[in-house]
Structures are given as C-alpha cells and as structure tokens.
Amino acid sequence: MRDRDSEDGAISDRVMTPIYYPIWLDLSGKRCVVVGGGSVAERKIAALLNSNAYVIVISPVITPAISEWIDKGQLEGILEGYDSQHSMDAFLVIAATSSTKVNEQVYEDAVARGQLINRVDCPEQSNFIVPAVIRRGKLTMAVSTSGASPSLAGEVRHKLEQEYGHEYEPYLDFLSELRLLVQQRIADPMQRRKILKEVLALDILAWIREGSFEKDVWLKRLLKDEKDS
C-alpha cells in the first residue's frame, strides 16, 4: 500500500506497515499445511504440533526430525513437489520452501481460497505473522513488532523469559484448579469473585520458588475459609 503526499499530490513509495489484530487461534484438529521440509519448516511444524493441529508437510526433501514425526504418525507427509491441490482444504498454510517461485504460488493459491497464509520469506505476502512466544504451562505471552524488527521482538522475549520463570507453570495449574472448584462448590457469584481475587494477593510464586507451597493444603484452606464466611 502506498500513500499520497498531502502537499504535492505525488505518490509516495513508502510502504504502510500493517496493523495486526492480535488473536489466539484454536488449531486443534484443523488441517494446517506446511510447504517445505527444511529447518524453518521444522520450527513451524513443531509449533503447530504443540497446538494440536493436524499437520501436513509437503516437500520432496525433509529434515530427520520431520521424518521422525511422520514415522510416529504425528503428521502427514506428502514427499513430493507442491501442487495446488495439496492445500485445497487447509485452514492455515505456511510457505516455507527455499524457492521464491514455489512460495509465490502457495501464497497465490491461499489468497484465492481465503485461507490464512504465512510466507516466511516475504512477510508482506502474509495475512498473519507468528510472534515471538514465551510459554509457561497455561501462560502464553507473545511479542510482535509487526514485522519491523524480529530481533527486537527476540530481545523482549528474552527479558520476559527472565522475568516470568518456570514457577508460573504450577502457579497457573493451581489457579485453574482453584477456579474450577470454586465454580463447582460456591454458588454465590460475589463469593466466587472475592476468593479468586484474594488468592492473587498471596505470595504463592515465592512459596513455589522456595519449594514450600502445598497446593492441596491451600485449596482446602481457601475453600473452607470461604464456606465458613
């Protein structure tokens, strides 16, 4: 996209940076096609598998890791060159080959079908981009610079990794279990909100780091205190 200079009416060659809409997709069981079998494709496939997607890789040459995933039945492999029919029913498509021509064809096919498409060698020909991601169990954080500086996104991710340590995984597991029990055992919505808010004031993260946090003890205590009140 180009914009018009407001003073002299000349067309500027400045490329407008897309403003992306942040969204979390549930890819469970959805057909996701990755065209390409190299190291970049391998990273994309790993992320899709982690999201429980139904992954199909299309490439005549694949990495040992991709080959192992196919052998284990974790994804479907079509070990041949790309054909437009391969991505016909895909929910999401990733073009990750070393061929500009092939990636261009994958992109054109996906756009014509209204599919989600990410072209790794040309972000401008993508209708979604993949952010830098930090996972701590149920906690997922994503960082994006809208393609302006992937290196900066990586630096920010590194800082978040230091700030949000692995103690957040059991912490989120505890909060999730507590929330479920509160919903099951406490009928009053006001009481539910009260207990779920007050638990956040406890220094549970520090107790987890120290190894002194006893989940079951605190679940019983919090639910008993709320019931008694």
Protein backbone atom coordinates (compact mmCIF):
# COMPACT_ATOMS: atom_id res chain seq x y z
CA MET A 1 0.00 0.00 0.00
CA ARG A 2 1.25 3.48 -0.89
CA ASP A 3 0.07 6.83 0.44
CA ARG A 4 -0.40 10.16 -1.30
CA ASP A 5 1.65 13.19 -0.27
CA SER A 6 -0.86 15.75 1.00
CA GLU A 7 1.07 18.76 -0.35
CA ASP A 8 2.01 17.99 -3.95
CA GLY A 9 -0.22 15.04 -4.73
CA ALA A 10 2.75 12.80 -5.59
CA ILE A 11 2.52 9.14 -4.85
CA SER A 12 4.95 8.07 -2.14
CA ASP A 13 6.70 4.74 -2.28
CA ARG A 14 6.54 4.44 1.48
CA VAL A 15 5.13 1.07 2.40
CA MET A 16 2.42 1.28 5.03
CA THR A 17 3.08 -1.08 7.94
CA PRO A 18 0.13 -3.40 8.59
CA ILE A 19 -1.62 -3.04 11.93
CA TYR A 20 -2.16 -6.61 13.02
CA TYR A 21 -5.13 -7.75 15.08
CA PRO A 22 -3.88 -9.91 17.98
CA ILE A 23 -5.71 -13.21 18.21
CA TRP A 24 -5.26 -16.70 19.67
CA LEU A 25 -6.36 -19.48 17.34
CA ASP A 26 -7.64 -22.87 18.39
CA LEU A 27 -5.98 -25.15 15.85
CA SER A 28 -6.98 -28.41 17.49
CA GLY A 29 -7.67 -30.91 14.72
CA LYS A 30 -7.57 -28.27 11.98
CA ARG A 31 -5.73 -29.01 8.73
CA CYS A 32 -2.56 -26.94 8.60
CA VAL A 33 -0.31 -27.30 5.56
CA VAL A 34 3.40 -26.53 5.67
CA VAL A 35 5.07 -26.40 2.27
CA GLY A 36 8.78 -27.01 2.75
CA GLY A 37 10.90 -29.51 4.63
CA GLY A 38 13.94 -27.60 5.88
CA SER A 39 14.88 -26.20 9.28
CA VAL A 40 12.44 -23.27 9.06
CA ALA A 41 9.59 -25.58 8.16
CA GLU A 42 10.63 -27.85 11.02
CA ARG A 43 10.24 -24.99 13.53
CA LYS A 44 6.84 -24.07 12.10
CA ILE A 45 5.68 -27.69 12.27
CA ALA A 46 6.83 -28.06 15.87
CA ALA A 47 4.74 -25.04 16.90
CA LEU A 48 1.69 -26.37 15.05
CA LEU A 49 2.03 -29.81 16.64
CA ASN A 50 2.26 -28.14 20.03
CA SER A 51 -1.14 -26.57 19.26
CA ASN A 52 -2.66 -29.99 18.43
CA ALA A 53 -3.14 -29.09 14.77
CA TYR A 54 -3.49 -31.74 12.07
CA VAL A 55 -0.30 -31.02 10.15
CA ILE A 56 0.50 -31.93 6.57
CA VAL A 57 4.01 -31.28 5.27
CA ILE A 58 4.66 -31.09 1.55
CA SER A 59 8.25 -31.43 0.37
CA PRO A 60 10.38 -33.94 -1.55
CA VAL A 61 13.19 -33.42 0.99
CA ILE A 62 12.67 -33.23 4.76
CA THR A 63 14.80 -32.97 7.89
CA PRO A 64 15.40 -36.01 10.13
CA ALA A 65 13.09 -34.52 12.78
CA ILE A 66 10.23 -34.13 10.31
CA SER A 67 10.85 -37.66 9.07
CA GLU A 68 10.63 -38.96 12.63
CA TRP A 69 7.35 -37.14 13.25
CA ILE A 70 5.92 -38.72 10.10
CA ASP A 71 7.12 -42.19 11.14
CA LYS A 72 5.46 -41.73 14.54
CA GLY A 73 2.20 -40.69 12.92
CA GLN A 74 2.33 -37.20 14.39
CA LEU A 75 1.83 -35.58 11.00
CA GLU A 76 1.10 -36.47 7.40
CA GLY A 77 3.88 -36.29 4.85
CA ILE A 78 3.47 -35.74 1.12
CA LEU A 79 7.02 -36.21 -0.08
CA GLU A 80 6.79 -34.55 -3.46
CA GLY A 81 6.81 -31.12 -5.04
CA TYR A 82 4.00 -28.71 -4.30
CA ASP A 83 0.76 -28.93 -6.23
CA SER A 84 -2.16 -26.53 -5.73
CA GLN A 85 -4.44 -29.42 -4.77
CA HIS A 86 -2.28 -30.19 -1.74
CA SER A 87 -3.52 -27.14 0.19
CA MET A 88 -7.10 -27.19 -1.11
CA ASP A 89 -8.83 -27.94 2.22
CA ALA A 90 -6.32 -26.31 4.57
CA PHE A 91 -7.41 -23.96 7.33
CA LEU A 92 -3.93 -22.47 7.54
CA VAL A 93 -0.99 -22.56 5.13
CA ILE A 94 2.69 -21.81 5.65
CA ALA A 95 5.01 -21.35 2.67
CA ALA A 96 8.49 -22.24 3.88
CA THR A 97 10.48 -23.51 0.91
CA SER A 98 13.80 -22.18 -0.40
CA SER A 99 12.14 -21.40 -3.74
CA THR A 100 10.70 -17.93 -4.26
CA LYS A 101 8.61 -19.23 -7.16
CA VAL A 102 7.05 -22.03 -5.12
CA ASN A 103 6.35 -19.76 -2.15
CA GLU A 104 4.71 -17.27 -4.50
CA GLN A 105 2.43 -19.99 -5.89
CA VAL A 106 1.50 -21.20 -2.41
CA TYR A 107 0.65 -17.63 -1.44
CA GLU A 108 -1.48 -17.01 -4.54
CA ASP A 109 -3.40 -20.26 -4.03
CA ALA A 110 -4.10 -19.49 -0.37
CA VAL A 111 -5.24 -15.93 -1.07
CA ALA A 112 -7.59 -17.12 -3.81
CA ARG A 113 -9.21 -19.50 -1.33
CA GLY A 114 -9.39 -17.05 1.56
CA GLN A 115 -7.05 -19.13 3.71
CA LEU A 116 -4.71 -17.99 6.44
CA ILE A 117 -1.26 -17.76 4.83
CA ASN A 118 2.20 -17.03 6.17
CA ARG A 119 5.03 -16.75 3.68
CA VAL A 120 8.26 -16.95 5.67
CA ASP A 121 10.47 -15.31 3.05
CA CYS A 122 8.11 -12.39 2.39
CA PRO A 123 6.05 -11.16 5.38
CA GLU A 124 4.36 -8.63 3.11
CA GLN A 125 2.69 -11.58 1.36
CA SER A 126 1.14 -12.92 4.54
CA ASN A 127 -2.17 -12.22 6.21
CA PHE A 128 -0.79 -13.33 9.57
CA ILE A 129 2.61 -13.36 11.20
CA VAL A 130 3.94 -15.53 14.01
CA PRO A 131 5.12 -13.60 17.09
CA ALA A 132 7.95 -14.45 19.43
CA VAL A 133 6.34 -16.69 22.06
CA ILE A 134 7.04 -17.49 25.71
CA ARG A 135 5.21 -20.42 27.29
CA ARG A 136 4.94 -21.23 30.96
CA GLY A 137 2.39 -24.02 31.04
CA LYS A 138 -1.02 -22.37 30.64
CA LEU A 139 0.57 -18.93 30.48
CA THR A 140 1.42 -17.84 26.96
CA MET A 141 2.94 -14.48 26.09
CA ALA A 142 3.54 -13.23 22.58
CA VAL A 143 5.70 -10.34 21.36
CA SER A 144 5.46 -8.73 17.95
CA THR A 145 6.89 -5.64 16.31
CA SER A 146 4.53 -6.08 13.32
CA GLY A 147 7.49 -7.31 11.33
CA ALA A 148 9.51 -4.12 11.89
CA SER A 149 12.25 -5.78 13.92
CA PRO A 150 12.17 -9.52 14.69
CA SER A 151 15.48 -9.06 16.53
CA LEU A 152 13.90 -6.62 18.97
CA ALA A 153 10.97 -8.98 19.47
CA GLY A 154 13.53 -11.66 20.37
CA GLU A 155 15.20 -9.37 22.90
CA VAL A 156 11.90 -8.55 24.55
CA ARG A 157 11.03 -12.25 24.65
CA HIS A 158 14.34 -12.97 26.36
CA LYS A 159 13.61 -10.35 29.03
CA LEU A 160 10.15 -11.81 29.62
CA GLU A 161 11.66 -15.29 29.93
CA GLN A 162 13.86 -13.99 32.75
CA GLU A 163 11.01 -12.18 34.50
CA TYR A 164 8.43 -14.95 34.17
CA GLY A 165 10.17 -18.11 35.29
CA HIS A 166 9.04 -21.73 35.28
CA GLU A 167 7.30 -21.26 38.62
CA TYR A 168 4.39 -19.78 36.66
CA GLU A 169 3.50 -23.22 35.29
CA PRO A 170 2.49 -24.78 38.65
CA TYR A 171 1.06 -21.42 39.71
CA LEU A 172 -1.34 -21.36 36.74
CA ASP A 173 -2.20 -25.01 37.32
CA PHE A 174 -3.15 -24.13 40.90
CA LEU A 175 -5.24 -21.12 39.86
CA SER A 176 -7.00 -23.20 37.21
CA GLU A 177 -7.86 -25.96 39.68
CA LEU A 178 -8.98 -23.45 42.30
CA ARG A 179 -11.24 -21.66 39.80
CA LEU A 180 -12.88 -24.95 38.80
CA LEU A 181 -13.51 -25.94 42.42
CA VAL A 182 -14.87 -22.51 43.28
CA GLN A 183 -17.32 -22.73 40.37
CA GLN A 184 -18.41 -26.19 41.49
CA ARG A 185 -18.76 -25.57 45.23
CA ILE A 186 -19.63 -21.90 45.70
CA ALA A 187 -22.96 -20.71 44.35
CA ASP A 188 -22.73 -17.02 45.23
CA PRO A 189 -21.05 -15.09 42.35
CA MET A 190 -19.83 -12.41 44.77
CA GLN A 191 -18.09 -15.00 46.91
CA ARG A 192 -16.54 -16.56 43.83
CA ARG A 193 -15.06 -13.25 42.69
CA LYS A 194 -13.86 -12.50 46.22
CA ILE A 195 -11.85 -15.69 46.63
CA LEU A 196 -10.40 -15.58 43.11
CA LYS A 197 -9.29 -12.00 43.67
CA GLU A 198 -7.87 -12.52 47.15
CA VAL A 199 -5.77 -15.52 46.13
CA LEU A 200 -3.78 -13.28 43.80
CA ALA A 201 -2.63 -11.25 46.80
CA LEU A 202 -0.94 -14.30 48.33
CA ASP A 203 2.79 -14.71 47.70
CA ILE A 204 2.33 -18.10 46.09
CA LEU A 205 5.03 -17.59 43.45
CA ALA A 206 7.63 -17.04 46.17
CA TRP A 207 6.47 -20.16 48.01
CA ILE A 208 6.74 -22.21 44.82
CA ARG A 209 10.29 -20.93 44.26
CA GLU A 210 11.17 -21.89 47.85
CA GLY A 211 9.57 -25.31 47.48
CA SER A 212 7.24 -24.67 50.42
CA PHE A 213 3.95 -24.37 48.58
CA GLU A 214 1.47 -27.18 49.26
CA LYS A 215 -1.28 -26.96 46.68
CA ASP A 216 -3.81 -29.30 48.29
CA VAL A 217 -3.44 -27.61 51.68
CA TRP A 218 -4.17 -24.21 50.20
CA LEU A 219 -7.10 -25.44 48.12
CA LYS A 220 -8.75 -26.85 51.22
CA ARG A 221 -7.97 -23.76 53.27
CA LEU A 222 -9.26 -21.26 50.74
CA LEU A 223 -12.46 -23.17 50.07
CA LYS A 224 -13.06 -23.83 53.79
CA ASP A 225 -12.49 -20.18 54.73
CA GLU A 226 -14.91 -19.05 52.06
CA LYS A 227 -17.51 -21.63 53.04
CA ASP A 228 -17.26 -20.68 56.72
CA SER A 229 -17.66 -16.99 55.91
